Amino acid sequence: MTNETETDMDRTLVIMAAGLGSRYGGVKQMTGVGPDGEILMEYAVFDALSAGFNRVVAIIKPDMLKDVKERCGDRIEKKTGIRIDYAFQTSDRFTESRPEFAGRSKPLGTVHAVLCAKEFIKTPFAVINADDYYGRSAFEVIAPQLDDLQAAEDAAMVAYRLKNTVSEFGTVTRGVCGSRDGYLSSVTETYKIKLFPDGTIRDTSESEEGPVLSPDSLVSMNLWGFSPKMLDVMERYFESFLEKLPEGDNKSECLLPTMVGDMIAEDRLNVKVLSSGDRWFGLTYKEDTPGVVAALSALHENGTYPPTLWG
């Protein structure tokens, strides 16, 4: 199977792997967690190919290219016949209107990340984080939905329950979702969500006594499905974000959940909400690593995955 040509049924997996990993304390995207040193994005590629995806784009920092290709990219291409395209997320791209931000060290966010891969995205696509494990069923449910995304205003997402996405080792950021009649009605990017010893989950962005969140709340883990026509809309949205960015702001990011929430509020986007029966897990803190390794080991042992992903 190869992705050299495109058909109406082609589906692209876009992997965002250029984050700094400040809470993790290192390049968590490259942490070996599988029996053969596989990194998390390899499981996403394996599951996506099994679900019918046939194109892969990895969004990385330029200095990651050699490591990514040596660690997994080259062997994936050799074993599957799928070419991986590499897009570089750098702050000098799509920031011509605000050249003072061209040298910013912190990435400009996930909308910017997808835009940096625009030249490689020609088909309906799913976009994911490199440091999350989504499970095969997540790709199985979103793959057929991509075939229906013909217009920029049509989209899809795979939602998870909040209780299954928190970390016992610190706070997390999640897009807390509302839904109505199977479609997304709101997305609120919520920072510093914390799991307390008694099982309570709170939004602690203002204080430790912040509002309690329902453990069964739907949240976005950045598994979105879009038409390639959405890329022009994203570019305009990012231009507006950049225009409003205060001079000297080196922290604000243009985020996919925020963009989706804004567009839904303006009645400019219809996002079908899908659910996955698989367990989510990911690398937010270094302390998460042993649990991820154990969970993946169990999936290899029970036959969900072969002894090593690529044989």
C-alpha atoms as a PDB file:
ATOM      1  CA  MET A   1       0.000   0.000   0.000  1.00  0.00           C
ATOM      2  CA  THR A   2       1.372   3.417  -0.910  1.00  0.00           C
ATOM      3  CA  ASN A   3       0.304   7.038  -0.666  1.00  0.00           C
ATOM      4  CA  GLU A   4       1.894   8.259  -3.868  1.00  0.00           C
ATOM      5  CA  THR A   5      -1.487   8.829  -5.546  1.00  0.00           C
ATOM      6  CA  GLU A   6      -4.753  10.133  -4.151  1.00  0.00           C
ATOM      7  CA  THR A   7      -8.348   8.993  -4.549  1.00  0.00           C
ATOM      8  CA  ASP A   8     -11.629  10.145  -3.053  1.00  0.00           C
ATOM      9  CA  MET A   9     -11.154   7.534  -0.331  1.00  0.00           C
ATOM     10  CA  ASP A  10      -7.695   8.642   0.731  1.00  0.00           C
ATOM     11  CA  ARG A  11      -7.360   9.602   4.389  1.00  0.00           C
ATOM     12  CA  THR A  12      -4.455  11.441   5.962  1.00  0.00           C
ATOM     13  CA  LEU A  13      -3.243  11.113   9.540  1.00  0.00           C
ATOM     14  CA  VAL A  14      -1.637  14.350  10.760  1.00  0.00           C
ATOM     15  CA  ILE A  15       0.483  13.935  13.896  1.00  0.00           C
ATOM     16  CA  MET A  16       1.420  16.996  15.946  1.00  0.00           C
ATOM     17  CA  ALA A  17       4.803  16.267  17.476  1.00  0.00           C
ATOM     18  CA  ALA A  18       6.508  19.658  17.783  1.00  0.00           C
ATOM     19  CA  GLY A  19       5.501  20.505  21.381  1.00  0.00           C
ATOM     20  CA  LEU A  20       8.099  21.398  23.994  1.00  0.00           C
ATOM     21  CA  GLY A  21       6.963  18.938  26.681  1.00  0.00           C
ATOM     22  CA  SER A  22       7.712  21.387  29.484  1.00  0.00           C
ATOM     23  CA  ARG A  23       5.706  19.505  32.112  1.00  0.00           C
ATOM     24  CA  TYR A  24       7.272  16.220  31.075  1.00  0.00           C
ATOM     25  CA  GLY A  25      10.763  17.653  31.250  1.00  0.00           C
ATOM     26  CA  GLY A  26      11.952  16.428  27.871  1.00  0.00           C
ATOM     27  CA  VAL A  27      10.957  15.374  24.367  1.00  0.00           C
ATOM     28  CA  LYS A  28       8.166  13.045  25.439  1.00  0.00           C
ATOM     29  CA  GLN A  29       7.181  12.409  21.830  1.00  0.00           C
ATOM     30  CA  MET A  30      10.384  10.375  21.481  1.00  0.00           C
ATOM     31  CA  THR A  31      10.102   8.355  24.697  1.00  0.00           C
ATOM     32  CA  GLY A  32      10.256   4.618  24.030  1.00  0.00           C
ATOM     33  CA  VAL A  33       7.285   2.884  25.639  1.00  0.00           C
ATOM     34  CA  GLY A  34       6.781  -0.285  23.555  1.00  0.00           C
ATOM     35  CA  PRO A  35       8.570  -3.660  23.706  1.00  0.00           C
ATOM     36  CA  ASP A  36      10.865  -2.715  20.820  1.00  0.00           C
ATOM     37  CA  GLY A  37      11.284   0.890  21.949  1.00  0.00           C
ATOM     38  CA  GLU A  38       8.209   2.032  20.018  1.00  0.00           C
ATOM     39  CA  ILE A  39       7.072   5.586  20.715  1.00  0.00           C
ATOM     40  CA  LEU A  40       3.404   6.499  21.121  1.00  0.00           C
ATOM     41  CA  MET A  41       2.978   7.968  17.661  1.00  0.00           C
ATOM     42  CA  GLU A  42       3.908   4.585  16.186  1.00  0.00           C
ATOM     43  CA  TYR A  43       0.825   3.041  17.799  1.00  0.00           C
ATOM     44  CA  ALA A  44      -1.312   5.769  16.244  1.00  0.00           C
ATOM     45  CA  VAL A  45       0.192   5.081  12.815  1.00  0.00           C
ATOM     46  CA  PHE A  46      -0.278   1.318  13.241  1.00  0.00           C
ATOM     47  CA  ASP A  47      -3.913   1.709  14.312  1.00  0.00           C
ATOM     48  CA  ALA A  48      -4.684   4.325  11.659  1.00  0.00           C
ATOM     49  CA  LEU A  49      -3.293   2.188   8.837  1.00  0.00           C
ATOM     50  CA  SER A  50      -5.337  -0.750  10.147  1.00  0.00           C
ATOM     51  CA  ALA A  51      -8.434   1.489  10.017  1.00  0.00           C
ATOM     52  CA  GLY A  52      -7.878   2.513   6.393  1.00  0.00           C
ATOM     53  CA  PHE A  53      -5.693   5.610   6.525  1.00  0.00           C
ATOM     54  CA  ASN A  54      -3.076   5.688   3.798  1.00  0.00           C
ATOM     55  CA  ARG A  55      -1.199   8.951   4.207  1.00  0.00           C
ATOM     56  CA  VAL A  56       0.860  10.172   7.192  1.00  0.00           C
ATOM     57  CA  VAL A  57       2.186  13.646   7.967  1.00  0.00           C
ATOM     58  CA  ALA A  58       4.342  14.271  11.036  1.00  0.00           C
ATOM     59  CA  ILE A  59       4.649  17.854  12.266  1.00  0.00           C
ATOM     60  CA  ILE A  60       7.964  18.249  14.049  1.00  0.00           C
ATOM     61  CA  LYS A  61      10.669  20.746  14.911  1.00  0.00           C
ATOM     62  CA  PRO A  62      13.490  20.771  12.336  1.00  0.00           C
ATOM     63  CA  ASP A  63      16.034  19.430  14.820  1.00  0.00           C
ATOM     64  CA  MET A  64      13.844  16.363  15.415  1.00  0.00           C
ATOM     65  CA  LEU A  65      13.950  15.078  11.843  1.00  0.00           C
ATOM     66  CA  LYS A  66      17.000  12.841  12.081  1.00  0.00           C
ATOM     67  CA  ASP A  67      15.859  11.306  15.375  1.00  0.00           C
ATOM     68  CA  VAL A  68      12.283  10.688  14.217  1.00  0.00           C
ATOM     69  CA  LYS A  69      13.402   9.056  10.976  1.00  0.00           C
ATOM     70  CA  GLU A  70      15.964   6.856  12.726  1.00  0.00           C
ATOM     71  CA  ARG A  71      13.676   5.921  15.618  1.00  0.00           C
ATOM     72  CA  CYS A  72      10.553   5.049  13.665  1.00  0.00           C
ATOM     73  CA  GLY A  73       9.956   6.843  10.386  1.00  0.00           C
ATOM     74  CA  ASP A  74      12.275   4.826   8.196  1.00  0.00           C
ATOM     75  CA  ARG A  75      11.141   1.453   9.517  1.00  0.00           C
ATOM     76  CA  ILE A  76       7.460   2.367   9.183  1.00  0.00           C
ATOM     77  CA  GLU A  77       8.002   3.337   5.565  1.00  0.00           C
ATOM     78  CA  LYS A  78       9.979   0.155   4.883  1.00  0.00           C
ATOM     79  CA  LYS A  79       7.436  -2.175   6.502  1.00  0.00           C
ATOM     80  CA  THR A  80       4.238  -0.535   5.230  1.00  0.00           C
ATOM     81  CA  GLY A  81       5.094   1.171   1.942  1.00  0.00           C
ATOM     82  CA  ILE A  82       3.511   4.345   3.328  1.00  0.00           C
ATOM     83  CA  ARG A  83       5.573   7.488   2.832  1.00  0.00           C
ATOM     84  CA  ILE A  84       5.734   9.805   5.832  1.00  0.00           C
ATOM     85  CA  ASP A  85       5.828  13.493   4.979  1.00  0.00           C
ATOM     86  CA  TYR A  86       7.585  15.723   7.510  1.00  0.00           C
ATOM     87  CA  ALA A  87       6.347  19.261   8.103  1.00  0.00           C
ATOM     88  CA  PHE A  88       8.318  21.712  10.219  1.00  0.00           C
ATOM     89  CA  GLN A  89       6.534  23.902  12.735  1.00  0.00           C
ATOM     90  CA  THR A  90       8.633  27.039  13.110  1.00  0.00           C
ATOM     91  CA  SER A  91       7.501  30.430  14.336  1.00  0.00           C
ATOM     92  CA  ASP A  92       8.598  32.218  11.161  1.00  0.00           C
ATOM     93  CA  ARG A  93       5.874  30.460   9.154  1.00  0.00           C
ATOM     94  CA  PHE A  94       2.489  32.187   8.650  1.00  0.00           C
ATOM     95  CA  THR A  95       3.680  35.107  10.808  1.00  0.00           C
ATOM     96  CA  GLU A  96       4.724  37.501   8.044  1.00  0.00           C
ATOM     97  CA  SER A  97       2.223  40.077   9.284  1.00  0.00           C
ATOM     98  CA  ARG A  98       3.854  40.080  12.731  1.00  0.00           C
ATOM     99  CA  PRO A  99       7.587  39.535  12.086  1.00  0.00           C
ATOM    100  CA  GLU A 100       8.405  40.247  15.729  1.00  0.00           C
ATOM    101  CA  PHE A 101       7.111  36.766  16.546  1.00  0.00           C
ATOM    102  CA  ALA A 102       9.281  34.998  13.964  1.00  0.00           C
ATOM    103  CA  GLY A 103      11.878  34.086  16.565  1.00  0.00           C
ATOM    104  CA  ARG A 104       9.507  33.080  19.358  1.00  0.00           C
ATOM    105  CA  SER A 105      10.697  29.929  21.156  1.00  0.00           C
ATOM    106  CA  LYS A 106       7.295  28.655  22.348  1.00  0.00           C
ATOM    107  CA  PRO A 107       5.169  27.104  19.574  1.00  0.00           C
ATOM    108  CA  LEU A 108       2.235  29.187  18.406  1.00  0.00           C
ATOM    109  CA  GLY A 109      -0.296  26.428  19.022  1.00  0.00           C
ATOM    110  CA  THR A 110      -2.053  23.547  17.367  1.00  0.00           C
ATOM    111  CA  VAL A 111      -3.853  25.588  14.684  1.00  0.00           C
ATOM    112  CA  HIS A 112      -0.459  26.902  13.615  1.00  0.00           C
ATOM    113  CA  ALA A 113       0.929  23.348  13.710  1.00  0.00           C
ATOM    114  CA  VAL A 114      -1.680  22.099  11.226  1.00  0.00           C
ATOM    115  CA  LEU A 115      -1.090  25.095   8.977  1.00  0.00           C
ATOM    116  CA  CYS A 116       2.608  24.246   8.864  1.00  0.00           C
ATOM    117  CA  ALA A 117       1.578  20.939   7.238  1.00  0.00           C
ATOM    118  CA  LYS A 118      -0.822  22.554   4.772  1.00  0.00           C
ATOM    119  CA  GLU A 119       1.279  21.764   1.700  1.00  0.00           C
ATOM    120  CA  PHE A 120       1.078  18.030   2.463  1.00  0.00           C
ATOM    121  CA  ILE A 121      -2.646  17.761   3.265  1.00  0.00           C
ATOM    122  CA  LYS A 122      -4.687  17.091   0.142  1.00  0.00           C
ATOM    123  CA  THR A 123      -7.342  14.695   1.503  1.00  0.00           C
ATOM    124  CA  PRO A 124      -9.775  14.569   4.435  1.00  0.00           C
ATOM    125  CA  PHE A 125      -7.615  14.252   7.526  1.00  0.00           C
ATOM    126  CA  ALA A 126      -7.556  13.376  11.187  1.00  0.00           C
ATOM    127  CA  VAL A 127      -5.213  15.342  13.431  1.00  0.00           C
ATOM    128  CA  ILE A 128      -3.824  13.952  16.692  1.00  0.00           C
ATOM    129  CA  ASN A 129      -1.242  14.581  19.407  1.00  0.00           C
ATOM    130  CA  ALA A 130       1.968  12.547  19.265  1.00  0.00           C
ATOM    131  CA  ASP A 131       2.031  11.960  23.028  1.00  0.00           C
ATOM    132  CA  ASP A 132      -1.420  10.385  23.398  1.00  0.00           C
ATOM    133  CA  TYR A 133      -2.614   6.808  22.961  1.00  0.00           C
ATOM    134  CA  TYR A 134      -6.057   6.882  21.362  1.00  0.00           C
ATOM    135  CA  GLY A 135      -6.792   3.185  20.746  1.00  0.00           C
ATOM    136  CA  ARG A 136      -7.682   1.450  17.500  1.00  0.00           C
ATOM    137  CA  SER A 137     -11.425   1.980  17.770  1.00  0.00           C
ATOM    138  CA  ALA A 138     -10.895   5.745  17.756  1.00  0.00           C
ATOM    139  CA  PHE A 139      -9.430   5.523  14.260  1.00  0.00           C
ATOM    140  CA  GLU A 140     -12.009   2.960  13.192  1.00  0.00           C
ATOM    141  CA  VAL A 141     -14.881   5.308  14.064  1.00  0.00           C
ATOM    142  CA  ILE A 142     -13.399   8.465  12.566  1.00  0.00           C
ATOM    143  CA  ALA A 143     -12.068   6.917   9.327  1.00  0.00           C
ATOM    144  CA  PRO A 144     -15.472   6.468   7.605  1.00  0.00           C
ATOM    145  CA  GLN A 145     -16.589   9.887   8.838  1.00  0.00           C
ATOM    146  CA  LEU A 146     -13.727  11.528   6.961  1.00  0.00           C
ATOM    147  CA  ASP A 147     -15.221  10.328   3.685  1.00  0.00           C
ATOM    148  CA  ASP A 148     -18.299  12.490   4.402  1.00  0.00           C
ATOM    149  CA  LEU A 149     -16.354  15.697   5.110  1.00  0.00           C
ATOM    150  CA  GLN A 150     -16.787  17.474   1.800  1.00  0.00           C
ATOM    151  CA  ALA A 151     -17.168  21.068   3.015  1.00  0.00           C
ATOM    152  CA  ALA A 152     -15.103  23.287   5.295  1.00  0.00           C
ATOM    153  CA  GLU A 153     -17.983  23.551   7.748  1.00  0.00           C
ATOM    154  CA  ASP A 154     -18.215  19.780   8.263  1.00  0.00           C
ATOM    155  CA  ALA A 155     -15.992  18.142  10.886  1.00  0.00           C
ATOM    156  CA  ALA A 156     -15.841  15.293  13.387  1.00  0.00           C
ATOM    157  CA  MET A 157     -14.163  14.531  16.673  1.00  0.00           C
ATOM    158  CA  VAL A 158     -13.583  11.547  18.949  1.00  0.00           C
ATOM    159  CA  ALA A 159     -14.516  12.383  22.536  1.00  0.00           C
ATOM    160  CA  TYR A 160     -13.364  10.765  25.774  1.00  0.00           C
ATOM    161  CA  ARG A 161     -14.704  10.871  29.314  1.00  0.00           C
ATOM    162  CA  LEU A 162     -12.842  13.321  31.542  1.00  0.00           C
ATOM    163  CA  LYS A 163     -12.305  10.719  34.277  1.00  0.00           C
ATOM    164  CA  ASN A 164     -10.318   8.605  31.839  1.00  0.00           C
ATOM    165  CA  THR A 165      -7.986  11.416  30.797  1.00  0.00           C
ATOM    166  CA  VAL A 166      -6.672  12.943  34.035  1.00  0.00           C
ATOM    167  CA  SER A 167      -3.261  12.296  35.577  1.00  0.00           C
ATOM    168  CA  GLU A 168      -2.622  11.493  39.213  1.00  0.00           C
ATOM    169  CA  PHE A 169       0.713  13.295  38.940  1.00  0.00           C
ATOM    170  CA  GLY A 170      -0.442  16.834  38.166  1.00  0.00           C
ATOM    171  CA  THR A 171      -2.841  19.064  36.278  1.00  0.00           C
ATOM    172  CA  VAL A 172      -3.880  18.631  32.640  1.00  0.00           C
ATOM    173  CA  THR A 173      -5.478  20.829  29.998  1.00  0.00           C
ATOM    174  CA  ARG A 174      -8.582  19.523  28.264  1.00  0.00           C
ATOM    175  CA  GLY A 175     -11.202  20.889  25.912  1.00  0.00           C
ATOM    176  CA  VAL A 176     -14.399  20.310  27.902  1.00  0.00           C
ATOM    177  CA  CYS A 177     -17.223  19.677  25.447  1.00  0.00           C
ATOM    178  CA  GLY A 178     -20.946  20.086  25.344  1.00  0.00           C
ATOM    179  CA  SER A 179     -23.010  18.110  22.841  1.00  0.00           C
ATOM    180  CA  ARG A 180     -26.529  18.138  21.474  1.00  0.00           C
ATOM    181  CA  ASP A 181     -28.161  15.613  19.150  1.00  0.00           C
ATOM    182  CA  GLY A 182     -24.823  13.984  18.405  1.00  0.00           C
ATOM    183  CA  TYR A 183     -23.079  17.226  17.492  1.00  0.00           C
ATOM    184  CA  LEU A 184     -20.661  19.409  19.415  1.00  0.00           C
ATOM    185  CA  SER A 185     -22.379  22.443  20.945  1.00  0.00           C
ATOM    186  CA  SER A 186     -19.407  23.997  22.761  1.00  0.00           C
ATOM    187  CA  VAL A 187     -15.738  23.519  23.595  1.00  0.00           C
ATOM    188  CA  THR A 188     -14.088  25.227  26.548  1.00  0.00           C
ATOM    189  CA  GLU A 189     -10.314  24.890  26.741  1.00  0.00           C
ATOM    190  CA  THR A 190      -9.849  24.322  30.466  1.00  0.00           C
ATOM    191  CA  TYR A 191      -6.443  24.626  32.086  1.00  0.00           C
ATOM    192  CA  LYS A 192      -5.161  23.064  35.293  1.00  0.00           C
ATOM    193  CA  ILE A 193      -7.735  20.295  35.645  1.00  0.00           C
ATOM    194  CA  LYS A 194      -6.729  18.379  38.758  1.00  0.00           C
ATOM    195  CA  LEU A 195      -7.647  14.980  40.150  1.00  0.00           C
ATOM    196  CA  PHE A 196      -7.878  15.047  43.951  1.00  0.00           C
ATOM    197  CA  PRO A 197      -7.235  12.065  46.267  1.00  0.00           C
ATOM    198  CA  ASP A 198     -10.969  11.677  46.962  1.00  0.00           C
ATOM    199  CA  GLY A 199     -11.651  11.267  43.215  1.00  0.00           C
ATOM    200  CA  THR A 200     -13.016  14.773  42.761  1.00  0.00           C
ATOM    201  CA  ILE A 201     -11.947  16.544  39.582  1.00  0.00           C
ATOM    202  CA  ARG A 202     -11.704  20.334  39.698  1.00  0.00           C
ATOM    203  CA  ASP A 203     -10.825  23.223  37.446  1.00  0.00           C
ATOM    204  CA  THR A 204      -8.018  24.767  39.528  1.00  0.00           C
ATOM    205  CA  SER A 205      -7.004  27.487  37.072  1.00  0.00           C
ATOM    206  CA  GLU A 206      -8.173  30.126  39.569  1.00  0.00           C
ATOM    207  CA  SER A 207      -7.738  28.261  42.858  1.00  0.00           C
ATOM    208  CA  GLU A 208      -7.543  24.783  44.406  1.00  0.00           C
ATOM    209  CA  GLU A 209     -11.199  25.247  45.371  1.00  0.00           C
ATOM    210  CA  GLY A 210     -12.255  25.732  41.772  1.00  0.00           C
ATOM    211  CA  PRO A 211     -15.469  24.318  40.318  1.00  0.00           C
ATOM    212  CA  VAL A 212     -16.019  20.563  40.371  1.00  0.00           C
ATOM    213  CA  LEU A 213     -16.173  18.974  36.935  1.00  0.00           C
ATOM    214  CA  SER A 214     -18.299  15.946  36.153  1.00  0.00           C
ATOM    215  CA  PRO A 215     -16.082  12.886  35.696  1.00  0.00           C
ATOM    216  CA  ASP A 216     -18.290  11.858  32.764  1.00  0.00           C
ATOM    217  CA  SER A 217     -17.867  15.171  30.941  1.00  0.00           C
ATOM    218  CA  LEU A 218     -16.884  14.760  27.318  1.00  0.00           C
ATOM    219  CA  VAL A 219     -13.447  16.142  26.522  1.00  0.00           C
ATOM    220  CA  SER A 220     -11.396  16.648  23.403  1.00  0.00           C
ATOM    221  CA  MET A 221      -8.005  14.950  23.203  1.00  0.00           C
ATOM    222  CA  ASN A 222      -7.265  16.674  19.881  1.00  0.00           C
ATOM    223  CA  LEU A 223      -8.555  13.876  17.685  1.00  0.00           C
ATOM    224  CA  TRP A 224     -10.313  15.964  15.063  1.00  0.00           C
ATOM    225  CA  GLY A 225     -11.461  15.188  11.531  1.00  0.00           C
ATOM    226  CA  PHE A 226     -11.518  17.933   8.882  1.00  0.00           C
ATOM    227  CA  SER A 227     -11.917  18.480   5.173  1.00  0.00           C
ATOM    228  CA  PRO A 228      -8.821  19.885   3.447  1.00  0.00           C
ATOM    229  CA  LYS A 229     -11.031  22.885   2.631  1.00  0.00           C
ATOM    230  CA  MET A 230     -10.830  23.729   6.337  1.00  0.00           C
ATOM    231  CA  LEU A 231      -7.166  24.687   5.965  1.00  0.00           C
ATOM    232  CA  ASP A 232      -7.988  28.039   4.355  1.00  0.00           C
ATOM    233  CA  VAL A 233     -10.428  28.737   7.182  1.00  0.00           C
ATOM    234  CA  MET A 234      -7.731  27.852   9.716  1.00  0.00           C
ATOM    235  CA  GLU A 235      -5.331  30.233   8.015  1.00  0.00           C
ATOM    236  CA  ARG A 236      -7.782  33.116   8.291  1.00  0.00           C
ATOM    237  CA  TYR A 237      -8.495  32.233  11.922  1.00  0.00           C
ATOM    238  CA  PHE A 238      -4.774  32.197  12.721  1.00  0.00           C
ATOM    239  CA  GLU A 239      -4.278  35.537  10.961  1.00  0.00           C
ATOM    240  CA  SER A 240      -6.974  37.022  13.201  1.00  0.00           C
ATOM    241  CA  PHE A 241      -5.339  35.504  16.296  1.00  0.00           C
ATOM    242  CA  LEU A 242      -1.982  36.910  15.264  1.00  0.00           C
ATOM    243  CA  GLU A 243      -3.429  40.346  14.580  1.00  0.00           C
ATOM    244  CA  LYS A 244      -4.784  40.524  18.139  1.00  0.00           C
ATOM    245  CA  LEU A 245      -1.657  39.121  19.835  1.00  0.00           C
ATOM    246  CA  PRO A 246      -0.155  41.751  22.165  1.00  0.00           C
ATOM    247  CA  GLU A 247       3.398  42.820  21.444  1.00  0.00           C
ATOM    248  CA  GLY A 248       5.865  40.771  23.481  1.00  0.00           C
ATOM    249  CA  ASP A 249       3.361  37.945  24.145  1.00  0.00           C
ATOM    250  CA  ASN A 250       5.510  34.817  24.103  1.00  0.00           C
ATOM    251  CA  LYS A 251       2.996  32.431  25.673  1.00  0.00           C
ATOM    252  CA  SER A 252      -0.420  32.665  24.009  1.00  0.00           C
ATOM    253  CA  GLU A 253      -1.246  29.859  21.597  1.00  0.00           C
ATOM    254  CA  CYS A 254      -3.829  29.442  18.853  1.00  0.00           C
ATOM    255  CA  LEU A 255      -5.494  26.165  19.779  1.00  0.00           C
ATOM    256  CA  LEU A 256      -7.725  23.815  17.816  1.00  0.00           C
ATOM    257  CA  PRO A 257     -10.360  23.388  20.577  1.00  0.00           C
ATOM    258  CA  THR A 258     -10.638  27.163  20.959  1.00  0.00           C
ATOM    259  CA  MET A 259     -10.984  27.632  17.217  1.00  0.00           C
ATOM    260  CA  VAL A 260     -13.647  24.917  17.026  1.00  0.00           C
ATOM    261  CA  GLY A 261     -15.530  26.441  19.969  1.00  0.00           C
ATOM    262  CA  ASP A 262     -15.454  29.906  18.413  1.00  0.00           C
ATOM    263  CA  MET A 263     -16.680  28.635  15.063  1.00  0.00           C
ATOM    264  CA  ILE A 264     -19.496  26.617  16.640  1.00  0.00           C
ATOM    265  CA  ALA A 265     -20.601  29.703  18.562  1.00  0.00           C
ATOM    266  CA  GLU A 266     -20.741  31.564  15.240  1.00  0.00           C
ATOM    267  CA  ASP A 267     -22.688  28.688  13.636  1.00  0.00           C
ATOM    268  CA  ARG A 268     -19.870  28.154  11.127  1.00  0.00           C
ATOM    269  CA  LEU A 269     -18.947  24.559  11.954  1.00  0.00           C
ATOM    270  CA  ASN A 270     -20.853  21.280  12.398  1.00  0.00           C
ATOM    271  CA  VAL A 271     -18.820  18.763  14.389  1.00  0.00           C
ATOM    272  CA  LYS A 272     -20.123  15.229  14.743  1.00  0.00           C
ATOM    273  CA  VAL A 273     -19.208  13.724  18.127  1.00  0.00           C
ATOM    274  CA  LEU A 274     -17.902  10.163  18.015  1.00  0.00           C
ATOM    275  CA  SER A 275     -16.893   7.962  20.922  1.00  0.00           C
ATOM    276  CA  SER A 276     -14.221   5.338  21.394  1.00  0.00           C
ATOM    277  CA  GLY A 277     -14.507   2.248  23.537  1.00  0.00           C
ATOM    278  CA  ASP A 278     -10.742   2.130  24.016  1.00  0.00           C
ATOM    279  CA  ARG A 279      -8.892   3.463  27.006  1.00  0.00           C
ATOM    280  CA  TRP A 280      -6.961   6.690  26.510  1.00  0.00           C
ATOM    281  CA  PHE A 281      -3.574   7.240  28.126  1.00  0.00           C
ATOM    282  CA  GLY A 282      -0.693   9.563  27.488  1.00  0.00           C
ATOM    283  CA  LEU A 283       2.529  11.182  28.602  1.00  0.00           C
ATOM    284  CA  THR A 284       2.025  14.434  30.451  1.00  0.00           C
ATOM    285  CA  TYR A 285       4.509  13.883  33.283  1.00  0.00           C
ATOM    286  CA  LYS A 286       7.539  11.610  33.526  1.00  0.00           C
ATOM    287  CA  GLU A 287       5.730   9.736  36.282  1.00  0.00           C
ATOM    288  CA  ASP A 288       3.110   8.709  33.688  1.00  0.00           C
ATOM    289  CA  THR A 289       5.697   6.662  31.780  1.00  0.00           C
ATOM    290  CA  PRO A 290       5.666   3.399  33.801  1.00  0.00           C
ATOM    291  CA  GLY A 291       1.877   3.220  33.585  1.00  0.00           C
ATOM    292  CA  VAL A 292       1.938   3.733  29.816  1.00  0.00           C
ATOM    293  CA  VAL A 293       4.620   1.071  29.410  1.00  0.00           C
ATOM    294  CA  ALA A 294       2.568  -1.392  31.501  1.00  0.00           C
ATOM    295  CA  ALA A 295      -0.652  -0.657  29.621  1.00  0.00           C
ATOM    296  CA  LEU A 296       0.977  -1.177  26.244  1.00  0.00           C
ATOM    297  CA  SER A 297       2.714  -4.340  27.422  1.00  0.00           C
ATOM    298  CA  ALA A 298      -0.685  -5.746  28.371  1.00  0.00           C
ATOM    299  CA  LEU A 299      -2.051  -4.905  24.906  1.00  0.00           C
ATOM    300  CA  HIS A 300       0.818  -6.776  23.283  1.00  0.00           C
ATOM    301  CA  GLU A 301       0.326  -9.727  25.590  1.00  0.00           C
ATOM    302  CA  ASN A 302      -3.420 -10.011  24.942  1.00  0.00           C
ATOM    303  CA  GLY A 303      -2.926  -9.976  21.176  1.00  0.00           C
ATOM    304  CA  THR A 304      -4.249  -6.496  20.440  1.00  0.00           C
ATOM    305  CA  TYR A 305      -0.808  -5.850  18.991  1.00  0.00           C
ATOM    306  CA  PRO A 306       1.828  -8.279  17.667  1.00  0.00           C
ATOM    307  CA  PRO A 307       4.941  -8.895  19.823  1.00  0.00           C
ATOM    308  CA  THR A 308       6.504  -5.829  18.195  1.00  0.00           C
ATOM    309  CA  LEU A 309       4.598  -3.382  16.003  1.00  0.00           C
ATOM    310  CA  TRP A 310       6.615  -3.715  12.832  1.00  0.00           C
ATOM    311  CA  GLY A 311       7.964  -7.250  13.167  1.00  0.00           C
END
